[in-house]
Structure formats: structure tokens, C-alpha cells
N, C-alpha and C. Protein backbone atom coordinates (compact mmCIF):
# COMPACT_ATOMS: atom_id res chain seq x y z
N MET A 1 56.95 71.10 135.09
CA MET A 1 57.09 72.51 135.34
C MET A 1 55.72 73.08 135.69
N GLY A 2 55.76 74.14 136.47
CA GLY A 2 54.51 74.71 136.93
C GLY A 2 53.99 74.09 138.21
N ARG A 3 54.67 73.08 138.67
CA ARG A 3 54.25 72.43 139.92
C ARG A 3 54.74 73.20 141.13
N THR A 4 53.97 73.12 142.19
CA THR A 4 54.38 73.73 143.45
C THR A 4 55.12 72.69 144.27
N ILE A 5 56.25 73.10 144.81
CA ILE A 5 57.07 72.21 145.62
C ILE A 5 57.38 72.88 146.96
N GLU A 6 57.81 72.06 147.89
CA GLU A 6 58.33 72.61 149.13
C GLU A 6 59.77 72.16 149.27
N LEU A 7 60.59 73.06 149.75
CA LEU A 7 62.00 72.76 150.03
C LEU A 7 62.12 72.50 151.52
N ARG A 8 62.78 71.40 151.86
CA ARG A 8 63.01 71.05 153.26
C ARG A 8 64.49 70.78 153.47
N ARG A 9 64.95 71.10 154.65
CA ARG A 9 66.32 70.78 155.05
C ARG A 9 66.25 70.26 156.47
N ASP A 10 66.85 69.11 156.70
CA ASP A 10 66.83 68.47 158.02
C ASP A 10 65.40 68.29 158.52
N GLY A 11 64.48 67.99 157.59
CA GLY A 11 63.10 67.75 157.95
C GLY A 11 62.26 68.99 158.19
N ARG A 12 62.87 70.16 158.11
CA ARG A 12 62.15 71.42 158.36
C ARG A 12 61.82 72.13 157.07
N LEU A 13 60.63 72.67 156.99
CA LEU A 13 60.20 73.43 155.82
C LEU A 13 61.00 74.71 155.73
N VAL A 14 61.62 74.94 154.56
CA VAL A 14 62.37 76.17 154.31
C VAL A 14 61.47 77.17 153.59
N ARG A 15 60.82 76.71 152.51
CA ARG A 15 59.88 77.56 151.77
C ARG A 15 59.21 76.76 150.68
N THR A 16 58.18 77.33 150.09
CA THR A 16 57.51 76.73 148.94
C THR A 16 57.81 77.58 147.72
N ALA A 17 57.69 76.96 146.54
CA ALA A 17 58.00 77.65 145.29
C ALA A 17 57.31 76.94 144.14
N GLU A 18 57.30 77.61 142.99
CA GLU A 18 56.81 77.02 141.75
C GLU A 18 58.00 76.70 140.87
N VAL A 19 58.01 75.51 140.28
CA VAL A 19 59.10 75.10 139.40
C VAL A 19 58.87 75.74 138.02
N GLU A 20 59.85 76.53 137.58
CA GLU A 20 59.77 77.14 136.25
C GLU A 20 60.52 76.32 135.20
N ALA A 21 61.63 75.70 135.58
CA ALA A 21 62.41 74.90 134.63
C ALA A 21 63.24 73.88 135.40
N VAL A 22 63.58 72.81 134.69
CA VAL A 22 64.39 71.74 135.26
C VAL A 22 65.47 71.38 134.24
N SER A 23 66.70 71.18 134.70
CA SER A 23 67.76 70.78 133.78
C SER A 23 67.48 69.37 133.25
N ALA A 24 68.11 69.04 132.15
CA ALA A 24 67.88 67.74 131.50
C ALA A 24 68.16 66.56 132.43
N ASP A 25 69.14 66.72 133.31
CA ASP A 25 69.47 65.62 134.24
C ASP A 25 68.81 65.78 135.61
N SER A 26 67.92 66.76 135.74
CA SER A 26 67.16 67.05 136.97
C SER A 26 68.03 67.47 138.14
N SER A 27 69.25 67.88 137.90
CA SER A 27 70.12 68.29 138.99
C SER A 27 69.94 69.76 139.37
N LEU A 28 69.26 70.54 138.52
CA LEU A 28 69.02 71.96 138.79
C LEU A 28 67.54 72.28 138.62
N LEU A 29 67.02 73.05 139.55
CA LEU A 29 65.64 73.53 139.47
C LEU A 29 65.67 75.06 139.46
N TRP A 30 64.95 75.66 138.53
CA TRP A 30 64.79 77.10 138.49
C TRP A 30 63.44 77.37 139.14
N LEU A 31 63.43 78.04 140.28
CA LEU A 31 62.23 78.22 141.09
C LEU A 31 61.78 79.66 141.12
N ARG A 32 60.47 79.85 141.14
CA ARG A 32 59.88 81.18 141.34
C ARG A 32 59.15 81.13 142.67
N PHE A 33 59.51 82.11 143.52
CA PHE A 33 58.89 82.19 144.83
C PHE A 33 57.71 83.14 144.81
N HIS A 34 56.78 82.93 145.67
CA HIS A 34 55.58 83.75 145.76
C HIS A 34 55.92 85.11 146.36
N GLY A 35 55.15 86.10 146.00
CA GLY A 35 55.38 87.44 146.54
C GLY A 35 56.53 88.12 145.84
N ASN A 36 57.30 88.88 146.57
CA ASN A 36 58.41 89.65 146.02
C ASN A 36 59.76 88.94 146.18
N ASP A 37 59.76 87.64 146.41
CA ASP A 37 61.00 86.93 146.67
C ASP A 37 61.77 86.54 145.42
N GLY A 38 61.19 86.73 144.24
CA GLY A 38 61.91 86.50 142.99
C GLY A 38 62.14 85.06 142.64
N ARG A 39 63.30 84.80 142.03
CA ARG A 39 63.65 83.47 141.52
C ARG A 39 65.00 83.03 142.05
N GLN A 40 65.22 81.71 141.96
CA GLN A 40 66.48 81.16 142.42
C GLN A 40 66.71 79.81 141.76
N ILE A 41 67.96 79.49 141.52
CA ILE A 41 68.32 78.16 141.04
C ILE A 41 68.74 77.33 142.26
N ILE A 42 68.18 76.14 142.36
CA ILE A 42 68.52 75.21 143.43
C ILE A 42 69.20 74.00 142.79
N ALA A 43 70.35 73.64 143.30
CA ALA A 43 71.09 72.49 142.78
C ALA A 43 70.87 71.27 143.67
N GLN A 44 70.98 70.12 143.06
CA GLN A 44 70.79 68.86 143.78
C GLN A 44 71.73 68.78 144.98
N TRP A 45 72.91 69.32 144.87
CA TRP A 45 73.93 69.23 145.92
C TRP A 45 73.79 70.32 146.99
N ASP A 46 72.74 71.15 146.91
CA ASP A 46 72.53 72.20 147.91
C ASP A 46 71.99 71.68 149.24
N GLY A 47 71.60 70.41 149.28
CA GLY A 47 71.19 69.81 150.54
C GLY A 47 69.72 69.91 150.87
N TYR A 48 68.88 70.26 149.90
CA TYR A 48 67.45 70.35 150.13
C TYR A 48 66.76 69.03 149.76
N ASP A 49 65.70 68.72 150.47
CA ASP A 49 64.76 67.68 150.04
C ASP A 49 63.64 68.43 149.34
N VAL A 50 63.24 67.93 148.18
CA VAL A 50 62.20 68.58 147.39
C VAL A 50 60.97 67.69 147.40
N ASN A 51 59.85 68.23 147.85
CA ASN A 51 58.59 67.48 147.88
C ASN A 51 57.58 68.20 146.99
N VAL A 52 56.96 67.43 146.08
CA VAL A 52 55.93 67.99 145.21
C VAL A 52 54.62 68.06 145.98
N LEU A 53 53.99 69.22 145.95
CA LEU A 53 52.69 69.40 146.58
C LEU A 53 51.61 69.20 145.54
N GLU A 54 50.55 68.53 145.91
CA GLU A 54 49.47 68.30 144.95
C GLU A 54 48.23 69.02 145.35
């Protein structure tokens, strides 16, 4: 948690976010977006590729 990730779909960058929480089975990510974009839950089945940025 606290890591910055990028969400991609079909190889294209959708957005970056900070991981606030992860479900026990890692199928759900609770993300906080930068700026005024708020938060969102992303599910494994939503079709995103998640890449950790270092």
C-alpha cells in the first residue's frame, strides 16, 4: 500500500494512482487519484493491467 501504479488497458495508459488498500485475495484495489479525482475501487475483472511504478 502507498505504492504508485499505472492502469493500462489494451496497452494504453489510462491513469496513475496510489494504492490505499488491497483485498486479501488481491482481486480488489482501492485507489486514490491525484488532484480532485477522488478514489475508486478497481476489480481484477475490470480489464486493467496494473503496473507498479518505482
